[in-house]
Amino acid sequence: MNTVIASIVREYGPLSDSVHGVTYDGQSIWFATGKQLHALDPASGKTLRSLDVSANAGTAFDGTHIFQIADGRIQKINPQTGEVLSTIPTPRGDDSSGLAWAEGTLWVGRHKDRCIDQVDPETGAVLRSIESNRYVTGVTWVDGELWHGTWEHDVSELRRIDPSTGKVLETLNMPSGVHVSGLESDGGDQFFCGGGNSKTIRTISRSKQRPAP
């Protein structure tokens, strides 16, 4: 397994509040702060607009809609208007954390359950589960790779795992005192990481050395 110290490329903040979920629509970084979703310009660092919608955990984008965890449900949101179009229950109670969109489904991190569920976005049915040995925060897919954040005992990591077995294939250790709440890929060689109560979003370089599974 390849383990390196994560390289922080850029930091945005202080933002308006603690950062929960994070996603990226190809132009703006969206981040959840509890009662609002905000769109941030990654070039200038300015917040472009805000939506008044419950948003206290993971955030995802499917190419058209934003999906947002809040209070035991996953909301499907029109990012232009903030209208909640539909909802499904979060899997297995209210411990959901990270959220990602891939393969036409939602991938839901379950924090203290140390698990990631693949979920049908229409019904909320759990299609399969992947076990972890760490608390799960943010979740993202990039280049066919499944990554998730951890935050446990004041230590955070980004982990690439085998989506079939949950085996850890690669680890980016966050510097001391730097924590990961939400997680999203920019579709290339960088991650956007929510910084929890630090009210920041950090851009992290994805390792260029790709170890074999």
C-alpha atoms as a PDB file:
ATOM      1  CA  MET A   1       0.000   0.000   0.000  1.00  0.00           C
ATOM      2  CA  ASN A   2       1.263   3.460  -0.928  1.00  0.00           C
ATOM      3  CA  THR A   3       1.158   5.985   1.957  1.00  0.00           C
ATOM      4  CA  VAL A   4       2.228   9.618   1.623  1.00  0.00           C
ATOM      5  CA  ILE A   5       1.583  12.955   3.336  1.00  0.00           C
ATOM      6  CA  ALA A   6      -1.147  14.887   1.548  1.00  0.00           C
ATOM      7  CA  SER A   7      -0.034  18.012  -0.305  1.00  0.00           C
ATOM      8  CA  ILE A   8      -2.292  21.039   0.301  1.00  0.00           C
ATOM      9  CA  VAL A   9      -2.459  23.103  -2.892  1.00  0.00           C
ATOM     10  CA  ARG A  10      -4.851  25.851  -1.765  1.00  0.00           C
ATOM     11  CA  GLU A  11      -7.067  26.801   1.144  1.00  0.00           C
ATOM     12  CA  TYR A  12     -10.383  28.681   0.982  1.00  0.00           C
ATOM     13  CA  GLY A  13     -11.658  30.425   4.092  1.00  0.00           C
ATOM     14  CA  PRO A  14     -12.647  31.347   6.637  1.00  0.00           C
ATOM     15  CA  LEU A  15     -16.071  30.564   5.186  1.00  0.00           C
ATOM     16  CA  SER A  16     -19.474  31.423   6.615  1.00  0.00           C
ATOM     17  CA  ASP A  17     -19.748  28.373   8.871  1.00  0.00           C
ATOM     18  CA  SER A  18     -18.491  24.858   9.499  1.00  0.00           C
ATOM     19  CA  VAL A  19     -18.194  22.800   6.309  1.00  0.00           C
ATOM     20  CA  HIS A  20     -20.090  19.523   6.024  1.00  0.00           C
ATOM     21  CA  GLY A  21     -20.594  18.114   2.516  1.00  0.00           C
ATOM     22  CA  VAL A  22     -18.628  19.221  -0.556  1.00  0.00           C
ATOM     23  CA  THR A  23     -19.261  18.637  -4.257  1.00  0.00           C
ATOM     24  CA  TYR A  24     -18.190  20.095  -7.609  1.00  0.00           C
ATOM     25  CA  ASP A  25     -20.310  20.791 -10.680  1.00  0.00           C
ATOM     26  CA  GLY A  26     -17.415  21.450 -13.060  1.00  0.00           C
ATOM     27  CA  GLN A  27     -17.440  25.182 -12.364  1.00  0.00           C
ATOM     28  CA  SER A  28     -18.316  25.814  -8.724  1.00  0.00           C
ATOM     29  CA  ILE A  29     -17.445  24.091  -5.460  1.00  0.00           C
ATOM     30  CA  TRP A  30     -20.664  23.532  -3.519  1.00  0.00           C
ATOM     31  CA  PHE A  31     -20.418  23.227   0.246  1.00  0.00           C
ATOM     32  CA  ALA A  32     -22.985  22.561   2.956  1.00  0.00           C
ATOM     33  CA  THR A  33     -23.075  24.592   6.176  1.00  0.00           C
ATOM     34  CA  GLY A  34     -26.152  23.240   7.960  1.00  0.00           C
ATOM     35  CA  LYS A  35     -28.965  25.529   6.829  1.00  0.00           C
ATOM     36  CA  GLN A  36     -27.544  26.535   3.446  1.00  0.00           C
ATOM     37  CA  LEU A  37     -25.719  25.303   0.358  1.00  0.00           C
ATOM     38  CA  HIS A  38     -23.142  27.689  -1.100  1.00  0.00           C
ATOM     39  CA  ALA A  39     -21.461  27.842  -4.520  1.00  0.00           C
ATOM     40  CA  LEU A  40     -17.826  28.960  -4.425  1.00  0.00           C
ATOM     41  CA  ASP A  41     -15.687  30.026  -7.389  1.00  0.00           C
ATOM     42  CA  PRO A  42     -12.462  27.957  -7.156  1.00  0.00           C
ATOM     43  CA  ALA A  43     -10.480  30.582  -9.091  1.00  0.00           C
ATOM     44  CA  SER A  44     -11.325  33.637  -6.969  1.00  0.00           C
ATOM     45  CA  GLY A  45     -12.419  31.944  -3.740  1.00  0.00           C
ATOM     46  CA  LYS A  46     -15.575  34.066  -3.699  1.00  0.00           C
ATOM     47  CA  THR A  47     -18.970  32.681  -2.732  1.00  0.00           C
ATOM     48  CA  LEU A  48     -21.184  33.224  -5.775  1.00  0.00           C
ATOM     49  CA  ARG A  49     -24.584  32.372  -4.329  1.00  0.00           C
ATOM     50  CA  SER A  50     -26.383  30.498  -1.581  1.00  0.00           C
ATOM     51  CA  LEU A  51     -29.457  28.273  -1.372  1.00  0.00           C
ATOM     52  CA  ASP A  52     -31.624  28.098   1.749  1.00  0.00           C
ATOM     53  CA  VAL A  53     -31.879  24.334   2.188  1.00  0.00           C
ATOM     54  CA  SER A  54     -31.091  21.942   5.049  1.00  0.00           C
ATOM     55  CA  ALA A  55     -27.564  20.668   4.495  1.00  0.00           C
ATOM     56  CA  ASN A  56     -25.850  19.085   7.475  1.00  0.00           C
ATOM     57  CA  ALA A  57     -23.866  16.224   5.930  1.00  0.00           C
ATOM     58  CA  GLY A  58     -22.718  14.892   2.522  1.00  0.00           C
ATOM     59  CA  THR A  59     -23.296  16.573  -0.851  1.00  0.00           C
ATOM     60  CA  ALA A  60     -23.147  15.130  -4.402  1.00  0.00           C
ATOM     61  CA  PHE A  61     -23.772  16.237  -8.005  1.00  0.00           C
ATOM     62  CA  ASP A  62     -25.074  13.950 -10.765  1.00  0.00           C
ATOM     63  CA  GLY A  63     -24.478  16.334 -13.674  1.00  0.00           C
ATOM     64  CA  THR A  64     -27.847  18.049 -13.262  1.00  0.00           C
ATOM     65  CA  HIS A  65     -29.017  17.916  -9.657  1.00  0.00           C
ATOM     66  CA  ILE A  66     -27.448  18.263  -6.237  1.00  0.00           C
ATOM     67  CA  PHE A  67     -28.096  15.537  -3.688  1.00  0.00           C
ATOM     68  CA  GLN A  68     -27.840  16.627  -0.069  1.00  0.00           C
ATOM     69  CA  ILE A  69     -28.051  14.696   3.196  1.00  0.00           C
ATOM     70  CA  ALA A  70     -30.083  16.387   5.920  1.00  0.00           C
ATOM     71  CA  ASP A  71     -31.897  15.053   8.975  1.00  0.00           C
ATOM     72  CA  GLY A  72     -32.187  11.412   7.976  1.00  0.00           C
ATOM     73  CA  ARG A  73     -32.997  11.978   4.323  1.00  0.00           C
ATOM     74  CA  ILE A  74     -31.295  12.599   0.987  1.00  0.00           C
ATOM     75  CA  GLN A  75     -32.749  15.556  -0.898  1.00  0.00           C
ATOM     76  CA  LYS A  76     -32.647  15.922  -4.692  1.00  0.00           C
ATOM     77  CA  ILE A  77     -32.249  19.660  -5.332  1.00  0.00           C
ATOM     78  CA  ASN A  78     -32.517  21.952  -8.337  1.00  0.00           C
ATOM     79  CA  PRO A  79     -29.239  23.926  -8.070  1.00  0.00           C
ATOM     80  CA  GLN A  80     -30.727  26.889  -9.950  1.00  0.00           C
ATOM     81  CA  THR A  81     -33.693  27.437  -7.639  1.00  0.00           C
ATOM     82  CA  GLY A  82     -32.963  25.478  -4.470  1.00  0.00           C
ATOM     83  CA  GLU A  83     -36.234  23.569  -4.853  1.00  0.00           C
ATOM     84  CA  VAL A  84     -36.245  20.122  -3.257  1.00  0.00           C
ATOM     85  CA  LEU A  85     -37.607  17.868  -6.009  1.00  0.00           C
ATOM     86  CA  SER A  86     -37.751  14.600  -4.085  1.00  0.00           C
ATOM     87  CA  THR A  87     -36.343  12.831  -1.034  1.00  0.00           C
ATOM     88  CA  ILE A  88     -35.339   9.320  -0.034  1.00  0.00           C
ATOM     89  CA  PRO A  89     -34.417   8.082   3.459  1.00  0.00           C
ATOM     90  CA  THR A  90     -30.764   7.734   4.365  1.00  0.00           C
ATOM     91  CA  PRO A  91     -29.763   4.071   4.777  1.00  0.00           C
ATOM     92  CA  ARG A  92     -29.898   2.466   8.206  1.00  0.00           C
ATOM     93  CA  GLY A  93     -30.762   5.530  10.264  1.00  0.00           C
ATOM     94  CA  ASP A  94     -29.231   8.952  10.774  1.00  0.00           C
ATOM     95  CA  ASP A  95     -25.476   8.257  10.835  1.00  0.00           C
ATOM     96  CA  SER A  96     -24.851   9.201   7.203  1.00  0.00           C
ATOM     97  CA  SER A  97     -21.882  11.410   6.408  1.00  0.00           C
ATOM     98  CA  GLY A  98     -20.293  11.540   2.936  1.00  0.00           C
ATOM     99  CA  LEU A  99     -22.154  11.370  -0.361  1.00  0.00           C
ATOM    100  CA  ALA A 100     -21.025  10.729  -3.949  1.00  0.00           C
ATOM    101  CA  TRP A 101     -22.603  10.032  -7.332  1.00  0.00           C
ATOM    102  CA  ALA A 102     -21.189   7.297  -9.596  1.00  0.00           C
ATOM    103  CA  GLU A 103     -22.464   4.560 -11.895  1.00  0.00           C
ATOM    104  CA  GLY A 104     -25.977   6.014 -11.754  1.00  0.00           C
ATOM    105  CA  THR A 105     -26.191   5.503  -8.000  1.00  0.00           C
ATOM    106  CA  LEU A 106     -25.467   7.279  -4.743  1.00  0.00           C
ATOM    107  CA  TRP A 107     -22.630   6.219  -2.449  1.00  0.00           C
ATOM    108  CA  VAL A 108     -23.348   7.069   1.162  1.00  0.00           C
ATOM    109  CA  GLY A 109     -20.722   7.119   3.893  1.00  0.00           C
ATOM    110  CA  ARG A 110     -21.966   5.896   7.251  1.00  0.00           C
ATOM    111  CA  HIS A 111     -19.786   7.630   9.789  1.00  0.00           C
ATOM    112  CA  LYS A 112     -19.466   5.592  12.979  1.00  0.00           C
ATOM    113  CA  ASP A 113     -20.742   2.443  11.265  1.00  0.00           C
ATOM    114  CA  ARG A 114     -17.453   2.558   9.277  1.00  0.00           C
ATOM    115  CA  CYS A 115     -19.214   1.664   6.060  1.00  0.00           C
ATOM    116  CA  ILE A 116     -20.124   2.948   2.577  1.00  0.00           C
ATOM    117  CA  ASP A 117     -23.497   1.991   1.087  1.00  0.00           C
ATOM    118  CA  GLN A 118     -24.322   2.024  -2.612  1.00  0.00           C
ATOM    119  CA  VAL A 119     -27.903   3.300  -2.777  1.00  0.00           C
ATOM    120  CA  ASP A 120     -30.628   3.394  -5.423  1.00  0.00           C
ATOM    121  CA  PRO A 121     -31.299   7.143  -5.924  1.00  0.00           C
ATOM    122  CA  GLU A 122     -34.994   6.578  -6.657  1.00  0.00           C
ATOM    123  CA  THR A 123     -35.957   4.266  -3.808  1.00  0.00           C
ATOM    124  CA  GLY A 124     -33.185   4.541  -1.227  1.00  0.00           C
ATOM    125  CA  ALA A 125     -32.660   0.764  -1.322  1.00  0.00           C
ATOM    126  CA  VAL A 126     -29.177  -0.354  -0.285  1.00  0.00           C
ATOM    127  CA  LEU A 127     -27.604  -2.234  -3.205  1.00  0.00           C
ATOM    128  CA  ARG A 128     -24.395  -3.248  -1.446  1.00  0.00           C
ATOM    129  CA  SER A 129     -22.143  -2.217   1.427  1.00  0.00           C
ATOM    130  CA  ILE A 130     -18.384  -1.812   1.749  1.00  0.00           C
ATOM    131  CA  GLU A 131     -16.853  -2.100   5.207  1.00  0.00           C
ATOM    132  CA  SER A 132     -14.087   0.202   6.475  1.00  0.00           C
ATOM    133  CA  ASN A 133     -11.986   0.063   9.626  1.00  0.00           C
ATOM    134  CA  ARG A 134     -12.142   3.821  10.166  1.00  0.00           C
ATOM    135  CA  TYR A 135     -14.880   6.381  10.610  1.00  0.00           C
ATOM    136  CA  VAL A 136     -16.069   7.448   7.155  1.00  0.00           C
ATOM    137  CA  THR A 137     -16.536  11.126   6.315  1.00  0.00           C
ATOM    138  CA  GLY A 138     -16.536  12.292   2.668  1.00  0.00           C
ATOM    139  CA  VAL A 139     -16.825   9.923  -0.306  1.00  0.00           C
ATOM    140  CA  THR A 140     -15.878  10.446  -3.966  1.00  0.00           C
ATOM    141  CA  TRP A 141     -15.156   8.576  -7.197  1.00  0.00           C
ATOM    142  CA  VAL A 142     -12.524   9.569  -9.802  1.00  0.00           C
ATOM    143  CA  ASP A 143     -11.115   7.586 -12.755  1.00  0.00           C
ATOM    144  CA  GLY A 144     -12.946   4.489 -11.563  1.00  0.00           C
ATOM    145  CA  GLU A 145     -11.385   4.785  -8.096  1.00  0.00           C
ATOM    146  CA  LEU A 146     -13.362   4.969  -4.855  1.00  0.00           C
ATOM    147  CA  TRP A 147     -11.908   7.332  -2.223  1.00  0.00           C
ATOM    148  CA  HIS A 148     -13.181   8.277   1.197  1.00  0.00           C
ATOM    149  CA  GLY A 149     -12.119  10.572   4.003  1.00  0.00           C
ATOM    150  CA  THR A 150     -11.571   9.555   7.602  1.00  0.00           C
ATOM    151  CA  TRP A 151     -11.578  11.566  10.795  1.00  0.00           C
ATOM    152  CA  GLU A 152     -10.975   9.615  13.976  1.00  0.00           C
ATOM    153  CA  HIS A 153      -9.004  10.341  17.164  1.00  0.00           C
ATOM    154  CA  ASP A 154      -8.085  13.799  15.765  1.00  0.00           C
ATOM    155  CA  VAL A 155      -6.414  12.167  12.727  1.00  0.00           C
ATOM    156  CA  SER A 156      -7.645  12.375   9.119  1.00  0.00           C
ATOM    157  CA  GLU A 157      -6.714  10.528   5.936  1.00  0.00           C
ATOM    158  CA  LEU A 158      -7.860  10.179   2.358  1.00  0.00           C
ATOM    159  CA  ARG A 159      -8.086   6.514   1.382  1.00  0.00           C
ATOM    160  CA  ARG A 160      -8.407   4.806  -1.975  1.00  0.00           C
ATOM    161  CA  ILE A 161     -10.152   1.490  -1.460  1.00  0.00           C
ATOM    162  CA  ASP A 162     -11.061  -1.503  -3.552  1.00  0.00           C
ATOM    163  CA  PRO A 163     -14.809  -1.028  -4.235  1.00  0.00           C
ATOM    164  CA  SER A 164     -15.350  -4.790  -4.168  1.00  0.00           C
ATOM    165  CA  THR A 165     -13.534  -5.698  -0.964  1.00  0.00           C
ATOM    166  CA  GLY A 166     -12.929  -2.446   0.926  1.00  0.00           C
ATOM    167  CA  LYS A 167      -9.180  -3.162   1.000  1.00  0.00           C
ATOM    168  CA  VAL A 168      -7.131   0.023   1.422  1.00  0.00           C
ATOM    169  CA  LEU A 169      -4.946   0.522  -1.672  1.00  0.00           C
ATOM    170  CA  GLU A 170      -3.540   3.976  -1.066  1.00  0.00           C
ATOM    171  CA  THR A 171      -3.495   6.510   1.768  1.00  0.00           C
ATOM    172  CA  LEU A 172      -2.896  10.257   1.835  1.00  0.00           C
ATOM    173  CA  ASN A 173      -2.248  11.266   5.442  1.00  0.00           C
ATOM    174  CA  MET A 174      -3.451  14.758   6.302  1.00  0.00           C
ATOM    175  CA  PRO A 175      -1.013  17.028   8.172  1.00  0.00           C
ATOM    176  CA  SER A 176      -1.445  17.269  11.937  1.00  0.00           C
ATOM    177  CA  GLY A 177      -4.504  19.294  12.893  1.00  0.00           C
ATOM    178  CA  VAL A 178      -6.019  19.133   9.388  1.00  0.00           C
ATOM    179  CA  HIS A 179      -9.307  17.255   9.241  1.00  0.00           C
ATOM    180  CA  VAL A 180     -11.608  16.034   6.474  1.00  0.00           C
ATOM    181  CA  SER A 181     -15.372  16.409   6.563  1.00  0.00           C
ATOM    182  CA  GLY A 182     -16.662  16.490   2.957  1.00  0.00           C
ATOM    183  CA  LEU A 183     -14.691  15.141  -0.015  1.00  0.00           C
ATOM    184  CA  GLU A 184     -14.998  15.579  -3.785  1.00  0.00           C
ATOM    185  CA  SER A 185     -12.725  15.142  -6.794  1.00  0.00           C
ATOM    186  CA  ASP A 186     -12.355  17.875  -9.413  1.00  0.00           C
ATOM    187  CA  GLY A 187     -12.368  15.116 -12.025  1.00  0.00           C
ATOM    188  CA  GLY A 188      -8.580  15.385 -12.389  1.00  0.00           C
ATOM    189  CA  ASP A 189      -5.637  15.306 -10.013  1.00  0.00           C
ATOM    190  CA  GLN A 190      -7.105  17.262  -7.122  1.00  0.00           C
ATOM    191  CA  PHE A 191      -9.573  16.766  -4.289  1.00  0.00           C
ATOM    192  CA  PHE A 192     -11.696  19.364  -2.531  1.00  0.00           C
ATOM    193  CA  CYS A 193     -11.840  18.615   1.200  1.00  0.00           C
ATOM    194  CA  GLY A 194     -14.180  20.176   3.721  1.00  0.00           C
ATOM    195  CA  GLY A 195     -12.376  21.216   6.882  1.00  0.00           C
ATOM    196  CA  GLY A 196     -15.193  20.841   9.379  1.00  0.00           C
ATOM    197  CA  ASN A 197     -15.164  23.405  12.192  1.00  0.00           C
ATOM    198  CA  SER A 198     -12.118  25.172  10.716  1.00  0.00           C
ATOM    199  CA  LYS A 199     -14.564  26.770   8.219  1.00  0.00           C
ATOM    200  CA  THR A 200     -12.247  25.978   5.325  1.00  0.00           C
ATOM    201  CA  ILE A 201     -12.114  24.007   2.099  1.00  0.00           C
ATOM    202  CA  ARG A 202      -8.708  22.689   1.073  1.00  0.00           C
ATOM    203  CA  THR A 203      -7.541  21.586  -2.350  1.00  0.00           C
ATOM    204  CA  ILE A 204      -5.413  18.439  -2.028  1.00  0.00           C
ATOM    205  CA  SER A 205      -3.167  17.021  -4.737  1.00  0.00           C
ATOM    206  CA  ARG A 206      -3.959  13.444  -5.673  1.00  0.00           C
ATOM    207  CA  SER A 207      -0.851  11.236  -5.671  1.00  0.00           C
ATOM    208  CA  LYS A 208       0.715  10.941  -9.122  1.00  0.00           C
ATOM    209  CA  GLN A 209       2.150   7.501  -8.327  1.00  0.00           C
ATOM    210  CA  ARG A 210      -0.586   4.975  -8.968  1.00  0.00           C
ATOM    211  CA  PRO A 211       0.218   1.728  -7.125  1.00  0.00           C
ATOM    212  CA  ALA A 212      -1.209  -1.445  -8.562  1.00  0.00           C
ATOM    213  CA  PRO A 213      -4.249  -2.853  -6.720  1.00  0.00           C
END
